[in-house]
């Protein structure tokens, strides 16, 4: 692990992971934010996380910057660390008044 990163206490990582799953279930995280959060909870730098997930550093950087166009395979490789996968979900129509 990179010496510049401070270890994350297990209790904090556990709480962050629970909040992450709640945010995912509620549809509150974009792909960009979800990948940043997964990497942060894992306590890894972008190069470490990319190597661990089997994708290029460029893929991680571009996703986190919101400029990437990753494949479904890449997203699934990244998300697998949190037992997640790409899926469609129903998005209810927004109700407007007036």
N, C-alpha and C. Protein backbone atom coordinates (compact mmCIF):
# COMPACT_ATOMS: atom_id res chain seq x y z
N UNK A 1 0.85 -1.19 0.00
CA UNK A 1 0.00 0.00 0.00
C UNK A 1 0.89 1.24 0.00
N UNK A 2 0.43 2.27 -0.64
CA UNK A 2 1.15 3.53 -0.72
C UNK A 2 1.35 4.11 0.67
N UNK A 3 2.57 4.51 0.97
CA UNK A 3 2.90 5.04 2.30
C UNK A 3 2.25 6.40 2.58
N UNK A 4 1.80 7.09 1.54
CA UNK A 4 1.17 8.40 1.73
C UNK A 4 -0.25 8.28 2.26
N UNK A 5 -0.85 7.12 2.13
CA UNK A 5 -2.23 6.92 2.57
C UNK A 5 -2.25 6.51 4.04
N UNK A 6 -3.14 7.11 4.79
CA UNK A 6 -3.30 6.74 6.19
C UNK A 6 -4.28 5.58 6.27
N UNK A 7 -3.99 4.60 7.11
CA UNK A 7 -4.94 3.49 7.24
C UNK A 7 -6.28 3.97 7.78
N UNK A 8 -7.34 3.37 7.30
CA UNK A 8 -8.68 3.73 7.73
C UNK A 8 -9.09 2.76 8.84
N UNK A 9 -9.50 3.27 10.00
CA UNK A 9 -9.96 2.37 11.07
C UNK A 9 -11.11 1.49 10.58
N UNK A 10 -11.11 0.23 11.01
CA UNK A 10 -12.13 -0.72 10.55
C UNK A 10 -13.55 -0.25 10.82
N UNK A 11 -13.76 0.39 11.96
CA UNK A 11 -15.11 0.86 12.30
C UNK A 11 -15.58 1.93 11.31
N UNK A 12 -14.66 2.80 10.94
CA UNK A 12 -14.98 3.87 9.99
C UNK A 12 -15.27 3.27 8.61
N UNK A 13 -14.43 2.33 8.19
CA UNK A 13 -14.63 1.68 6.89
C UNK A 13 -15.95 0.93 6.87
N UNK A 14 -16.31 0.27 7.97
CA UNK A 14 -17.57 -0.46 8.05
C UNK A 14 -18.76 0.49 7.93
N UNK A 15 -18.70 1.60 8.66
CA UNK A 15 -19.78 2.59 8.61
C UNK A 15 -19.87 3.20 7.20
N UNK A 16 -18.72 3.50 6.60
CA UNK A 16 -18.71 4.04 5.24
C UNK A 16 -19.32 3.05 4.24
N UNK A 17 -19.01 1.77 4.43
CA UNK A 17 -19.52 0.73 3.53
C UNK A 17 -21.05 0.63 3.66
N UNK A 18 -21.56 0.67 4.88
CA UNK A 18 -23.01 0.61 5.11
C UNK A 18 -23.69 1.80 4.45
N UNK A 19 -23.12 3.00 4.65
CA UNK A 19 -23.68 4.20 4.04
C UNK A 19 -23.62 4.11 2.51
N UNK A 20 -22.53 3.57 1.99
CA UNK A 20 -22.36 3.39 0.55
C UNK A 20 -23.49 2.53 -0.01
N UNK A 21 -23.74 1.38 0.62
CA UNK A 21 -24.81 0.49 0.15
C UNK A 21 -26.17 1.17 0.23
N UNK A 22 -26.40 1.95 1.27
CA UNK A 22 -27.68 2.67 1.39
C UNK A 22 -27.82 3.70 0.27
N UNK A 23 -26.74 4.42 0.00
CA UNK A 23 -26.76 5.42 -1.07
C UNK A 23 -26.96 4.78 -2.44
N UNK A 24 -26.33 3.63 -2.66
CA UNK A 24 -26.50 2.90 -3.93
C UNK A 24 -27.96 2.48 -4.07
N UNK A 25 -28.52 1.88 -3.02
CA UNK A 25 -29.90 1.40 -3.06
C UNK A 25 -30.89 2.54 -3.31
N UNK A 26 -30.57 3.72 -2.80
CA UNK A 26 -31.45 4.88 -2.96
C UNK A 26 -31.21 5.61 -4.28
N UNK A 27 -30.22 5.17 -5.05
CA UNK A 27 -29.92 5.82 -6.32
C UNK A 27 -29.29 7.19 -6.17
N UNK A 28 -28.58 7.39 -5.07
CA UNK A 28 -28.00 8.71 -4.78
C UNK A 28 -26.61 8.92 -5.37
N UNK A 29 -25.96 7.86 -5.87
CA UNK A 29 -24.58 8.00 -6.34
C UNK A 29 -24.49 7.82 -7.85
N UNK A 30 -23.76 8.72 -8.48
CA UNK A 30 -23.44 8.56 -9.89
C UNK A 30 -22.34 7.51 -9.99
N UNK A 31 -22.06 7.04 -11.19
CA UNK A 31 -20.96 6.10 -11.39
C UNK A 31 -19.66 6.72 -10.89
N UNK A 32 -19.45 7.97 -11.23
CA UNK A 32 -18.26 8.71 -10.82
C UNK A 32 -18.11 8.70 -9.30
N UNK A 33 -19.17 9.07 -8.59
CA UNK A 33 -19.12 9.12 -7.13
C UNK A 33 -18.99 7.73 -6.51
N UNK A 34 -19.66 6.74 -7.11
CA UNK A 34 -19.60 5.38 -6.58
C UNK A 34 -18.18 4.82 -6.66
N UNK A 35 -17.51 5.03 -7.78
CA UNK A 35 -16.15 4.51 -7.94
C UNK A 35 -15.20 5.22 -6.97
N UNK A 36 -15.34 6.53 -6.85
CA UNK A 36 -14.51 7.27 -5.88
C UNK A 36 -14.72 6.72 -4.48
N UNK A 37 -15.98 6.48 -4.12
CA UNK A 37 -16.30 6.00 -2.78
C UNK A 37 -15.77 4.59 -2.55
N UNK A 38 -15.91 3.71 -3.54
CA UNK A 38 -15.38 2.35 -3.41
C UNK A 38 -13.87 2.38 -3.19
N UNK A 39 -13.20 3.22 -3.96
CA UNK A 39 -11.75 3.31 -3.82
C UNK A 39 -11.37 3.90 -2.47
N UNK A 40 -12.08 4.92 -2.04
CA UNK A 40 -11.81 5.56 -0.75
C UNK A 40 -12.01 4.58 0.40
N UNK A 41 -13.12 3.86 0.39
CA UNK A 41 -13.39 2.88 1.44
C UNK A 41 -12.32 1.79 1.44
N UNK A 42 -11.83 1.44 0.26
CA UNK A 42 -10.80 0.41 0.14
C UNK A 42 -9.43 0.92 0.59
N UNK A 43 -9.30 2.24 0.73
CA UNK A 43 -8.04 2.82 1.19
C UNK A 43 -6.91 2.72 0.18
N UNK A 44 -7.25 2.80 -1.09
CA UNK A 44 -6.24 2.65 -2.15
C UNK A 44 -6.12 3.91 -2.99
N UNK A 45 -4.94 4.08 -3.55
CA UNK A 45 -4.73 5.14 -4.53
C UNK A 45 -5.34 4.68 -5.85
N UNK A 46 -5.43 5.58 -6.82
CA UNK A 46 -5.96 5.18 -8.12
C UNK A 46 -5.14 4.06 -8.75
N UNK A 47 -3.79 4.15 -8.77
CA UNK A 47 -3.01 3.05 -9.35
C UNK A 47 -3.20 1.72 -8.60
N UNK A 48 -3.26 1.78 -7.28
CA UNK A 48 -3.46 0.55 -6.49
C UNK A 48 -4.82 -0.07 -6.79
N UNK A 49 -5.84 0.77 -6.82
CA UNK A 49 -7.20 0.29 -7.05
C UNK A 49 -7.32 -0.29 -8.46
N UNK A 50 -6.74 0.39 -9.44
CA UNK A 50 -6.78 -0.10 -10.82
C UNK A 50 -6.12 -1.47 -10.92
N UNK A 51 -4.97 -1.62 -10.33
CA UNK A 51 -4.26 -2.90 -10.36
C UNK A 51 -5.08 -3.98 -9.66
N UNK A 52 -5.62 -3.65 -8.51
CA UNK A 52 -6.42 -4.60 -7.73
C UNK A 52 -7.66 -5.06 -8.50
N UNK A 53 -8.28 -4.15 -9.26
CA UNK A 53 -9.51 -4.46 -9.98
C UNK A 53 -9.26 -4.98 -11.40
N UNK A 54 -8.00 -4.94 -11.85
CA UNK A 54 -7.67 -5.47 -13.17
C UNK A 54 -8.06 -4.57 -14.32
N UNK A 55 -8.05 -3.27 -14.07
CA UNK A 55 -8.32 -2.29 -15.12
C UNK A 55 -7.16 -1.30 -15.17
N UNK A 56 -7.12 -0.49 -16.20
CA UNK A 56 -6.03 0.47 -16.31
C UNK A 56 -6.27 1.67 -15.38
N UNK A 57 -5.19 2.33 -15.02
CA UNK A 57 -5.29 3.54 -14.21
C UNK A 57 -6.10 4.58 -14.97
N UNK A 58 -5.93 4.63 -16.28
CA UNK A 58 -6.67 5.59 -17.10
C UNK A 58 -8.18 5.40 -16.94
N UNK A 59 -8.63 4.17 -16.90
CA UNK A 59 -10.07 3.89 -16.74
C UNK A 59 -10.56 4.48 -15.42
N UNK A 60 -9.83 4.24 -14.34
CA UNK A 60 -10.23 4.76 -13.02
C UNK A 60 -10.21 6.28 -13.03
N UNK A 61 -9.14 6.87 -13.54
CA UNK A 61 -9.03 8.34 -13.56
C UNK A 61 -10.16 8.98 -14.36
N UNK A 62 -10.45 8.41 -15.52
CA UNK A 62 -11.50 8.98 -16.37
C UNK A 62 -12.89 8.84 -15.74
N UNK A 63 -13.15 7.69 -15.13
CA UNK A 63 -14.45 7.52 -14.47
C UNK A 63 -14.58 8.53 -13.34
N UNK A 64 -13.55 8.64 -12.51
CA UNK A 64 -13.61 9.55 -11.36
C UNK A 64 -13.68 11.01 -11.80
N UNK A 65 -13.15 11.32 -12.97
CA UNK A 65 -13.20 12.70 -13.48
C UNK A 65 -14.52 12.97 -14.22
N UNK A 66 -15.29 11.92 -14.44
CA UNK A 66 -16.54 12.08 -15.16
C UNK A 66 -16.37 12.20 -16.66
N UNK A 67 -15.20 11.80 -17.17
CA UNK A 67 -14.93 11.91 -18.60
C UNK A 67 -14.82 10.56 -19.28
N UNK A 68 -14.90 9.49 -18.52
CA UNK A 68 -14.71 8.15 -19.07
C UNK A 68 -15.95 7.61 -19.75
N UNK A 69 -15.72 6.61 -20.58
CA UNK A 69 -16.79 5.87 -21.23
C UNK A 69 -16.45 4.39 -21.08
N UNK A 70 -16.51 3.90 -19.83
CA UNK A 70 -16.05 2.53 -19.57
C UNK A 70 -17.01 1.48 -20.13
N UNK A 71 -16.46 0.30 -20.37
CA UNK A 71 -17.29 -0.81 -20.81
C UNK A 71 -18.02 -1.40 -19.61
N UNK A 72 -19.07 -2.14 -19.89
CA UNK A 72 -19.81 -2.82 -18.82
C UNK A 72 -18.86 -3.78 -18.11
N UNK A 73 -18.00 -4.44 -18.87
CA UNK A 73 -17.04 -5.37 -18.27
C UNK A 73 -16.15 -4.65 -17.26
N UNK A 74 -15.63 -3.48 -17.62
CA UNK A 74 -14.77 -2.71 -16.71
C UNK A 74 -15.53 -2.29 -15.45
N UNK A 75 -16.75 -1.83 -15.63
CA UNK A 75 -17.55 -1.40 -14.48
C UNK A 75 -17.80 -2.59 -13.55
N UNK A 76 -18.12 -3.74 -14.12
CA UNK A 76 -18.35 -4.93 -13.29
C UNK A 76 -17.08 -5.36 -12.57
N UNK A 77 -15.92 -5.25 -13.23
CA UNK A 77 -14.66 -5.59 -12.58
C UNK A 77 -14.41 -4.68 -11.38
N UNK A 78 -14.70 -3.42 -11.54
CA UNK A 78 -14.51 -2.45 -10.46
C UNK A 78 -15.51 -2.71 -9.34
N UNK A 79 -16.76 -2.92 -9.69
CA UNK A 79 -17.83 -3.05 -8.70
C UNK A 79 -17.82 -4.37 -7.95
N UNK A 80 -17.17 -5.37 -8.51
CA UNK A 80 -17.15 -6.69 -7.90
C UNK A 80 -16.59 -6.68 -6.47
N UNK A 81 -15.69 -5.76 -6.17
CA UNK A 81 -15.10 -5.67 -4.84
C UNK A 81 -16.17 -5.41 -3.77
N UNK A 82 -17.29 -4.81 -4.18
CA UNK A 82 -18.39 -4.53 -3.26
C UNK A 82 -19.61 -5.40 -3.56
N UNK A 83 -19.39 -6.49 -4.28
CA UNK A 83 -20.46 -7.43 -4.64
C UNK A 83 -21.59 -6.73 -5.39
N UNK A 84 -21.21 -5.84 -6.30
CA UNK A 84 -22.18 -5.12 -7.13
C UNK A 84 -21.97 -5.48 -8.59
N UNK A 85 -22.99 -5.26 -9.40
CA UNK A 85 -22.88 -5.46 -10.84
C UNK A 85 -23.78 -4.45 -11.55
N UNK A 86 -23.50 -4.24 -12.82
CA UNK A 86 -24.30 -3.33 -13.62
C UNK A 86 -25.69 -3.94 -13.80
N UNK A 87 -26.70 -3.10 -13.66
CA UNK A 87 -28.08 -3.56 -13.85
C UNK A 87 -28.96 -2.38 -14.23
N UNK A 88 -30.07 -2.68 -14.83
CA UNK A 88 -31.07 -1.66 -15.08
C UNK A 88 -32.00 -1.60 -13.88
N UNK A 89 -32.48 -0.40 -13.59
CA UNK A 89 -33.48 -0.28 -12.54
C UNK A 89 -34.52 0.73 -13.00
N UNK A 90 -35.71 0.54 -12.53
CA UNK A 90 -36.81 1.41 -12.90
C UNK A 90 -36.62 2.79 -12.29
N UNK A 91 -36.77 3.79 -13.12
CA UNK A 91 -36.68 5.17 -12.64
C UNK A 91 -38.07 5.77 -12.75
N UNK A 92 -38.74 5.96 -11.61
CA UNK A 92 -40.10 6.51 -11.65
C UNK A 92 -40.11 7.90 -12.30
N UNK A 93 -41.18 8.19 -12.99
CA UNK A 93 -41.33 9.51 -13.61
C UNK A 93 -41.42 10.57 -12.53
N UNK A 94 -40.81 11.70 -12.81
CA UNK A 94 -40.87 12.81 -11.85
C UNK A 94 -42.25 13.44 -11.91
N UNK A 95 -42.79 13.74 -10.77
CA UNK A 95 -44.10 14.38 -10.69
C UNK A 95 -43.89 15.88 -10.64
N UNK A 96 -44.53 16.57 -11.56
CA UNK A 96 -44.43 18.03 -11.56
C UNK A 96 -45.78 18.62 -11.19
N UNK A 97 -45.73 19.70 -10.48
CA UNK A 97 -46.98 20.36 -10.09
C UNK A 97 -47.29 21.48 -11.07
N UNK A 98 -48.53 21.72 -11.27
CA UNK A 98 -48.91 22.87 -12.06
C UNK A 98 -49.60 22.53 -13.26
